[in-house]
C-alpha atoms as a PDB file:
ATOM      1  CA  MET A   1      97.048  71.457 104.641  1.00  0.00           C
ATOM      2  CA  LEU A   2      97.959  72.307 108.193  1.00  0.00           C
ATOM      3  CA  ILE A   3      99.343  75.630 106.811  1.00  0.00           C
ATOM      4  CA  GLU A   4      96.252  76.522 105.140  1.00  0.00           C
ATOM      5  CA  SER A   5      93.890  75.267 107.820  1.00  0.00           C
ATOM      6  CA  SER A   6      95.757  77.389 110.440  1.00  0.00           C
ATOM      7  CA  ALA A   7      95.676  80.493 108.002  1.00  0.00           C
ATOM      8  CA  TYR A   8      91.617  80.134 107.804  1.00  0.00           C
ATOM      9  CA  ALA A   9      91.193  79.569 111.535  1.00  0.00           C
ATOM     10  CA  SER A  10      93.538  82.673 112.440  1.00  0.00           C
ATOM     11  CA  ARG A  11      92.433  85.641 114.122  1.00  0.00           C
ATOM     12  CA  TRP A  12      94.231  87.791 111.531  1.00  0.00           C
ATOM     13  CA  ARG A  13      92.346  86.143 108.599  1.00  0.00           C
ATOM     14  CA  ASP A  14      90.632  89.524 107.873  1.00  0.00           C
ATOM     15  CA  VAL A  15      93.579  91.413 108.175  1.00  0.00           C
ATOM     16  CA  ALA A  16      95.038  93.136 105.068  1.00  0.00           C
ATOM     17  CA  PRO A  17      97.694  90.815 103.616  1.00  0.00           C
ATOM     18  CA  SER A  18      99.743  93.770 102.755  1.00  0.00           C
ATOM     19  CA  ALA A  19      99.963  94.540 106.693  1.00  0.00           C
ATOM     20  CA  LYS A  20     100.963  91.119 107.474  1.00  0.00           C
ATOM     21  CA  ALA A  21     103.630  91.099 104.705  1.00  0.00           C
ATOM     22  CA  LEU A  22     105.029  94.449 106.041  1.00  0.00           C
ATOM     23  CA  PHE A  23     105.382  93.115 109.367  1.00  0.00           C
ATOM     24  CA  ALA A  24     106.998  90.019 108.265  1.00  0.00           C
ATOM     25  CA  LEU A  25     109.439  92.156 105.990  1.00  0.00           C
ATOM     26  CA  ALA A  26     110.353  94.259 108.799  1.00  0.00           C
ATOM     27  CA  GLY A  27     111.166  91.079 110.760  1.00  0.00           C
ATOM     28  CA  PHE A  28     113.141  89.886 108.241  1.00  0.00           C
ATOM     29  CA  ILE A  29     115.280  93.231 107.773  1.00  0.00           C
ATOM     30  CA  ALA A  30     115.833  93.368 111.679  1.00  0.00           C
ATOM     31  CA  ALA A  31     116.946  89.695 111.729  1.00  0.00           C
ATOM     32  CA  TRP A  32     119.489  90.583 109.175  1.00  0.00           C
ATOM     33  CA  LEU A  33     120.488  93.650 110.740  1.00  0.00           C
ATOM     34  CA  ALA A  34     120.620  92.371 114.369  1.00  0.00           C
ATOM     35  CA  HIS A  35     124.081  91.172 115.729  1.00  0.00           C
ATOM     36  CA  SER A  36     124.039  90.034 119.250  1.00  0.00           C
ATOM     37  CA  PRO A  37     122.197  86.925 120.632  1.00  0.00           C
ATOM     38  CA  VAL A  38     119.897  89.094 122.967  1.00  0.00           C
ATOM     39  CA  ALA A  39     118.753  90.994 119.928  1.00  0.00           C
ATOM     40  CA  PHE A  40     117.938  87.668 118.292  1.00  0.00           C
ATOM     41  CA  ALA A  41     116.198  86.547 121.043  1.00  0.00           C
ATOM     42  CA  ALA A  42     114.047  89.493 121.671  1.00  0.00           C
ATOM     43  CA  LEU A  43     113.217  89.638 117.824  1.00  0.00           C
ATOM     44  CA  THR A  44     112.171  85.864 117.769  1.00  0.00           C
ATOM     45  CA  ALA A  45     109.822  86.424 120.844  1.00  0.00           C
ATOM     46  CA  VAL A  46     107.995  89.064 119.286  1.00  0.00           C
ATOM     47  CA  LEU A  47     107.558  87.336 116.217  1.00  0.00           C
ATOM     48  CA  VAL A  48     106.383  84.386 117.753  1.00  0.00           C
ATOM     49  CA  LEU A  49     104.257  85.891 120.512  1.00  0.00           C
ATOM     50  CA  ALA A  50     102.679  87.880 117.635  1.00  0.00           C
ATOM     51  CA  ALA A  51     101.520  84.663 115.861  1.00  0.00           C
ATOM     52  CA  LEU A  52     100.504  82.639 119.132  1.00  0.00           C
ATOM     53  CA  LEU A  53      98.838  85.575 121.114  1.00  0.00           C
ATOM     54  CA  GLY A  54      97.994  88.194 118.484  1.00  0.00           C
ATOM     55  CA  ALA A  55      96.844  85.901 115.649  1.00  0.00           C
ATOM     56  CA  ARG A  56      95.744  82.888 118.047  1.00  0.00           C
ATOM     57  CA  VAL A  57      97.618  80.317 115.924  1.00  0.00           C
ATOM     58  CA  GLN A  58      97.519  77.048 117.930  1.00  0.00           C
ATOM     59  CA  LEU A  59     100.878  76.168 119.639  1.00  0.00           C
ATOM     60  CA  ARG A  60     100.638  72.475 118.305  1.00  0.00           C
ATOM     61  CA  SER A  61     100.020  73.691 114.676  1.00  0.00           C
ATOM     62  CA  TYR A  62     102.996  76.226 115.063  1.00  0.00           C
ATOM     63  CA  ILE A  63     105.460  73.786 116.114  1.00  0.00           C
ATOM     64  CA  ALA A  64     104.211  71.083 113.707  1.00  0.00           C
ATOM     65  CA  VAL A  65     105.194  73.701 110.810  1.00  0.00           C
ATOM     66  CA  ALA A  66     108.371  74.849 112.175  1.00  0.00           C
ATOM     67  CA  LEU A  67     109.802  71.281 112.960  1.00  0.00           C
ATOM     68  CA  PRO A  68     110.706  70.415 109.169  1.00  0.00           C
ATOM     69  CA  PRO A  69     112.752  73.674 108.580  1.00  0.00           C
ATOM     70  CA  LEU A  70     114.509  73.430 112.377  1.00  0.00           C
ATOM     71  CA  GLY A  71     115.243  69.958 111.351  1.00  0.00           C
ATOM     72  CA  PHE A  72     116.984  71.295 108.248  1.00  0.00           C
ATOM     73  CA  LEU A  73     118.642  73.910 110.156  1.00  0.00           C
ATOM     74  CA  LEU A  74     119.909  71.443 112.724  1.00  0.00           C
ATOM     75  CA  LEU A  75     121.386  69.409 110.025  1.00  0.00           C
ATOM     76  CA  SER A  76     123.008  72.252 108.192  1.00  0.00           C
ATOM     77  CA  CYS A  77     124.503  73.350 111.431  1.00  0.00           C
ATOM     78  CA  LEU A  78     125.887  70.108 112.212  1.00  0.00           C
ATOM     79  CA  THR A  79     127.614  69.865 108.763  1.00  0.00           C
ATOM     80  CA  MET A  80     129.160  73.170 109.247  1.00  0.00           C
ATOM     81  CA  LEU A  81     130.766  71.848 112.517  1.00  0.00           C
ATOM     82  CA  VAL A  82     132.411  69.016 110.656  1.00  0.00           C
ATOM     83  CA  GLY A  83     135.710  69.918 108.840  1.00  0.00           C
ATOM     84  CA  PRO A  84     139.114  68.171 108.064  1.00  0.00           C
ATOM     85  CA  ASP A  85     142.160  68.869 110.519  1.00  0.00           C
ATOM     86  CA  ALA A  86     145.724  69.350 109.822  1.00  0.00           C
ATOM     87  CA  ASN A  87     146.300  65.770 109.147  1.00  0.00           C
ATOM     88  CA  GLY A  88     143.317  65.379 106.558  1.00  0.00           C
ATOM     89  CA  HIS A  89     140.969  63.636 108.999  1.00  0.00           C
ATOM     90  CA  TRP A  90     137.554  64.821 109.248  1.00  0.00           C
ATOM     91  CA  ASN A  91     136.094  65.471 112.751  1.00  0.00           C
ATOM     92  CA  PHE A  92     134.015  67.909 114.580  1.00  0.00           C
ATOM     93  CA  THR A  93     135.618  71.155 115.203  1.00  0.00           C
ATOM     94  CA  THR A  94     135.004  74.317 117.236  1.00  0.00           C
ATOM     95  CA  ALA A  95     136.364  76.805 115.089  1.00  0.00           C
ATOM     96  CA  MET A  96     133.240  77.519 113.176  1.00  0.00           C
ATOM     97  CA  LEU A  97     131.164  77.573 116.338  1.00  0.00           C
ATOM     98  CA  PRO A  98     130.625  81.273 116.763  1.00  0.00           C
ATOM     99  CA  THR A  99     129.521  81.410 113.173  1.00  0.00           C
ATOM    100  CA  VAL A 100     126.967  78.490 113.213  1.00  0.00           C
ATOM    101  CA  GLU A 101     125.584  79.982 116.451  1.00  0.00           C
ATOM    102  CA  HIS A 102     124.982  83.348 114.748  1.00  0.00           C
ATOM    103  CA  LEU A 103     123.533  81.652 111.427  1.00  0.00           C
ATOM    104  CA  ALA A 104     121.301  79.520 113.772  1.00  0.00           C
ATOM    105  CA  LEU A 105     119.949  82.526 115.626  1.00  0.00           C
ATOM    106  CA  ARG A 106     119.236  84.615 112.613  1.00  0.00           C
ATOM    107  CA  SER A 107     117.670  81.679 111.159  1.00  0.00           C
ATOM    108  CA  PHE A 108     115.501  81.297 113.978  1.00  0.00           C
ATOM    109  CA  ALA A 109     113.974  85.038 113.762  1.00  0.00           C
ATOM    110  CA  MET A 110     113.449  84.788 110.108  1.00  0.00           C
ATOM    111  CA  LEU A 111     111.718  81.421 110.350  1.00  0.00           C
ATOM    112  CA  ALA A 112     109.442  83.073 112.755  1.00  0.00           C
ATOM    113  CA  ALA A 113     108.732  85.863 110.622  1.00  0.00           C
ATOM    114  CA  MET A 114     107.900  83.591 107.706  1.00  0.00           C
ATOM    115  CA  LEU A 115     105.564  81.431 109.787  1.00  0.00           C
ATOM    116  CA  GLY A 116     103.673  84.489 111.085  1.00  0.00           C
ATOM    117  CA  LEU A 117     102.906  85.527 107.406  1.00  0.00           C
ATOM    118  CA  VAL A 118     102.083  81.825 106.009  1.00  0.00           C
ATOM    119  CA  LEU A 119      99.986  80.637 109.216  1.00  0.00           C
ATOM    120  CA  THR A 120      98.091  83.828 108.821  1.00  0.00           C
ATOM    121  CA  THR A 121      97.452  84.395 105.232  1.00  0.00           C
ATOM    122  CA  PRO A 122      95.567  82.182 103.049  1.00  0.00           C
ATOM    123  CA  MET A 123      97.088  81.284  99.848  1.00  0.00           C
ATOM    124  CA  PRO A 124      94.400  83.131  97.508  1.00  0.00           C
ATOM    125  CA  ASP A 125      95.089  86.337  99.841  1.00  0.00           C
ATOM    126  CA  LEU A 126      98.939  85.836  99.172  1.00  0.00           C
ATOM    127  CA  LEU A 127      98.419  85.408  95.403  1.00  0.00           C
ATOM    128  CA  ASN A 128      96.558  88.423  95.034  1.00  0.00           C
ATOM    129  CA  LEU A 129      99.302  90.341  97.209  1.00  0.00           C
ATOM    130  CA  LEU A 130     102.061  88.962  94.865  1.00  0.00           C
ATOM    131  CA  ARG A 131      99.875  90.097  91.696  1.00  0.00           C
ATOM    132  CA  ARG A 132      99.541  93.624  92.938  1.00  0.00           C
ATOM    133  CA  LEU A 133     103.228  93.453  93.262  1.00  0.00           C
ATOM    134  CA  ARG A 134     103.803  92.751  89.816  1.00  0.00           C
ATOM    135  CA  THR A 135     105.065  89.022  90.378  1.00  0.00           C
ATOM    136  CA  PRO A 136     105.311  87.155  86.633  1.00  0.00           C
ATOM    137  CA  GLU A 137     101.927  85.617  85.788  1.00  0.00           C
ATOM    138  CA  LEU A 138     103.730  82.373  84.975  1.00  0.00           C
ATOM    139  CA  LEU A 139     105.083  81.989  88.390  1.00  0.00           C
ATOM    140  CA  LEU A 140     101.690  82.726  90.046  1.00  0.00           C
ATOM    141  CA  ASP A 141     100.029  80.256  88.028  1.00  0.00           C
ATOM    142  CA  LEU A 142     102.660  77.457  88.838  1.00  0.00           C
ATOM    143  CA  MET A 143     101.753  78.401  92.462  1.00  0.00           C
ATOM    144  CA  VAL A 144      98.006  78.083  91.922  1.00  0.00           C
ATOM    145  CA  LEU A 145      98.338  74.606  90.210  1.00  0.00           C
ATOM    146  CA  CYS A 146     100.653  73.319  92.841  1.00  0.00           C
ATOM    147  CA  TYR A 147      98.346  74.517  95.341  1.00  0.00           C
ATOM    148  CA  ARG A 148      95.394  72.795  93.705  1.00  0.00           C
ATOM    149  CA  MET A 149      97.380  69.673  93.070  1.00  0.00           C
ATOM    150  CA  LEU A 150      97.725  69.237  96.975  1.00  0.00           C
ATOM    151  CA  PHE A 151      94.330  68.960  97.568  1.00  0.00           C
ATOM    152  CA  VAL A 152      93.875  66.586  94.552  1.00  0.00           C
ATOM    153  CA  MET A 153      96.498  64.430  95.985  1.00  0.00           C
ATOM    154  CA  GLN A 154      95.173  64.562  99.617  1.00  0.00           C
ATOM    155  CA  GLN A 155      91.585  63.562  98.413  1.00  0.00           C
ATOM    156  CA  ALA A 156      92.972  60.748  96.276  1.00  0.00           C
ATOM    157  CA  TRP A 157      95.146  59.672  99.145  1.00  0.00           C
ATOM    158  CA  ASP A 158      92.069  59.645 101.465  1.00  0.00           C
ATOM    159  CA  GLU A 159      90.009  57.940  99.127  1.00  0.00           C
ATOM    160  CA  SER A 160      92.421  54.885  98.584  1.00  0.00           C
ATOM    161  CA  ILE A 161      93.267  54.354 102.214  1.00  0.00           C
ATOM    162  CA  THR A 162      89.377  54.429 103.057  1.00  0.00           C
ATOM    163  CA  ALA A 163      88.825  51.869 100.143  1.00  0.00           C
ATOM    164  CA  GLN A 164      91.623  49.585 101.367  1.00  0.00           C
ATOM    165  CA  SER A 165      90.856  49.806 105.009  1.00  0.00           C
ATOM    166  CA  ALA A 166      87.161  48.753 104.156  1.00  0.00           C
ATOM    167  CA  ARG A 167      88.704  45.652 102.451  1.00  0.00           C
ATOM    168  CA  LEU A 168      90.914  44.850 105.575  1.00  0.00           C
ATOM    169  CA  GLY A 169      94.009  45.979 103.571  1.00  0.00           C
ATOM    170  CA  TYR A 170      95.762  46.876 106.732  1.00  0.00           C
ATOM    171  CA  ARG A 171      95.064  43.714 109.090  1.00  0.00           C
ATOM    172  CA  ASN A 172      98.467  42.778 109.666  1.00  0.00           C
ATOM    173  CA  LEU A 173     101.962  43.991 108.893  1.00  0.00           C
ATOM    174  CA  ARG A 174     102.415  41.753 105.432  1.00  0.00           C
ATOM    175  CA  GLN A 175      99.153  42.955 104.184  1.00  0.00           C
ATOM    176  CA  ALA A 176      99.817  46.627 105.182  1.00  0.00           C
ATOM    177  CA  TRP A 177     103.086  46.369 103.023  1.00  0.00           C
ATOM    178  CA  ARG A 178     101.179  44.974 100.277  1.00  0.00           C
ATOM    179  CA  SER A 179      98.453  47.673 100.440  1.00  0.00           C
ATOM    180  CA  THR A 180     100.866  50.326 100.878  1.00  0.00           C
ATOM    181  CA  GLY A 181     103.092  49.377  97.534  1.00  0.00           C
ATOM    182  CA  LEU A 182      99.770  49.230  95.787  1.00  0.00           C
ATOM    183  CA  LEU A 183      98.680  52.814  97.101  1.00  0.00           C
ATOM    184  CA  ALA A 184     102.045  54.220  95.832  1.00  0.00           C
ATOM    185  CA  GLY A 185     101.460  52.723  92.423  1.00  0.00           C
ATOM    186  CA  GLN A 186      97.916  53.868  91.928  1.00  0.00           C
ATOM    187  CA  MET A 187      98.386  57.220  93.317  1.00  0.00           C
ATOM    188  CA  ALA A 188     100.356  58.267  90.225  1.00  0.00           C
ATOM    189  CA  VAL A 189      97.652  57.032  87.963  1.00  0.00           C
ATOM    190  CA  GLN A 190      94.949  58.593  89.853  1.00  0.00           C
ATOM    191  CA  VAL A 191      96.621  62.113  90.119  1.00  0.00           C
ATOM    192  CA  TRP A 192      97.432  62.041  86.547  1.00  0.00           C
ATOM    193  CA  GLN A 193      93.897  61.427  85.786  1.00  0.00           C
ATOM    194  CA  ARG A 194      92.636  64.155  88.060  1.00  0.00           C
ATOM    195  CA  ALA A 195      95.148  66.511  86.652  1.00  0.00           C
ATOM    196  CA  ALA A 196      93.785  65.984  83.387  1.00  0.00           C
ATOM    197  CA  ALA A 197      89.956  66.130  84.582  1.00  0.00           C
ATOM    198  CA  LEU A 198      91.274  69.433  85.885  1.00  0.00           C
ATOM    199  CA  GLN A 199      92.748  70.915  82.611  1.00  0.00           C
ATOM    200  CA  MET A 200      89.793  69.882  80.831  1.00  0.00           C
ATOM    201  CA  ALA A 201      87.558  71.721  83.514  1.00  0.00           C
ATOM    202  CA  ALA A 202      89.799  74.760  82.860  1.00  0.00           C
ATOM    203  CA  ASP A 203      89.487  74.700  79.142  1.00  0.00           C
ATOM    204  CA  ALA A 204      85.647  74.321  79.414  1.00  0.00           C
ATOM    205  CA  ARG A 205      85.726  77.652  81.234  1.00  0.00           C
ATOM    206  CA  ALA A 206      87.901  79.639  78.423  1.00  0.00           C
ATOM    207  CA  TYR A 207      90.870  79.340  80.172  1.00  0.00           C
ATOM    208  CA  GLN A 208      93.397  81.816  78.570  1.00  0.00           C
ATOM    209  CA  GLY A 209      96.773  81.278  80.715  1.00  0.00           C
ATOM    210  CA  THR A 210      95.984  83.218  83.559  1.00  0.00           C
ATOM    211  CA  LEU A 211      94.087  82.231  86.938  1.00  0.00           C
ATOM    212  CA  ARG A 212      92.171  84.770  88.618  1.00  0.00           C
ATOM    213  CA  PHE A 213      90.796  84.971  92.236  1.00  0.00           C
ATOM    214  CA  LEU A 214      88.133  87.450  93.246  1.00  0.00           C
ATOM    215  CA  PRO A 215      90.099  89.975  95.545  1.00  0.00           C
ATOM    216  CA  THR A 216      88.799  90.605  99.230  1.00  0.00           C
ATOM    217  CA  ALA A 217      88.103  94.097 100.389  1.00  0.00           C
ATOM    218  CA  TYR A 218      90.106  95.043 103.359  1.00  0.00           C
ATOM    219  CA  PRO A 219      88.030  98.483 104.661  1.00  0.00           C
ATOM    220  CA  GLN A 220      90.722  98.789 107.463  1.00  0.00           C
ATOM    221  CA  ALA A 221      93.724  98.238 105.325  1.00  0.00           C
ATOM    222  CA  ARG A 222      95.434 101.715 106.001  1.00  0.00           C
ATOM    223  CA  ARG A 223      94.798 101.288 109.641  1.00  0.00           C
ATOM    224  CA  GLN A 224      96.327  98.062 109.621  1.00  0.00           C
ATOM    225  CA  GLN A 225      99.299  98.834 107.768  1.00  0.00           C
ATOM    226  CA  ALA A 226      99.993 101.954 110.032  1.00  0.00           C
ATOM    227  CA  TRP A 227     100.029  99.424 112.944  1.00  0.00           C
ATOM    228  CA  ALA A 228     101.930  96.729 111.121  1.00  0.00           C
ATOM    229  CA  ALA A 229     104.712  99.692 110.311  1.00  0.00           C
ATOM    230  CA  LEU A 230     104.715 100.722 114.024  1.00  0.00           C
ATOM    231  CA  ALA A 231     105.508  97.205 114.956  1.00  0.00           C
ATOM    232  CA  GLY A 232     108.095  96.840 112.289  1.00  0.00           C
ATOM    233  CA  ALA A 233     109.718 100.145 113.400  1.00  0.00           C
ATOM    234  CA  LEU A 234     109.881  98.545 116.921  1.00  0.00           C
ATOM    235  CA  MET A 235     111.774  95.456 115.535  1.00  0.00           C
ATOM    236  CA  LEU A 236     114.034  97.773 113.608  1.00  0.00           C
ATOM    237  CA  ALA A 237     114.883  99.865 116.683  1.00  0.00           C
ATOM    238  CA  ILE A 238     115.997  96.457 118.270  1.00  0.00           C
ATOM    239  CA  ALA A 239     118.003  95.491 115.581  1.00  0.00           C
ATOM    240  CA  LEU A 240     119.834  99.079 115.146  1.00  0.00           C
ATOM    241  CA  GLY A 241     120.246  99.844 118.579  1.00  0.00           C
ATOM    242  CA  ASP A 242     122.088  96.283 118.882  1.00  0.00           C
ATOM    243  CA  ARG A 243     124.681  97.919 116.456  1.00  0.00           C
ATOM    244  CA  LEU A 244     125.049 100.895 118.278  1.00  0.00           C
END
């Protein structure tokens, strides 16, 4: 929900998705080609500043979305630093430290490129872009259904919480635990029923196995793609200059 609301509130909401995808792709390639920590830091700074200052994504939202993948990355890096010694005992080792450092810095840059795309492009625009890129329709339909079910689950959760709170379901710790258990049990039933209603609504509208959205027109698409290509070329120059 936070990602989608940030995408609609972004100043780059009306920028062509192809331009934003081109910029993100250039960031991915540059992060893959870069080698030194200075180049990784420069690429990450460019991508983060583009999202925060260029697209005006709120810093709080950016950090909130970035924390889960950063936590996963931290756990992965710590796992790589654990290994067996000559006696077969597991402990922390510094042998993999250069590799872990390189992997972490590259992941930071790639994560910044990904966040710059998803925090500025709503899901319908991404789906239209993927359809233009000949993505299989089955995969797109699964993405649409998962996207729709997020809102269904959020609505069911909010309504259940409101109903339980109105009946003093959270007045103390014991009652809160009981209400939480009841909520978890009812969520599966409610989501199943609402999903069935969603399927019936689709069938009533002559659903033929493909979900379509009205495409948005972007009159300045070519100009925006040119600016994105120029910015991408700058990041690639940073990465390639690092290898010379």
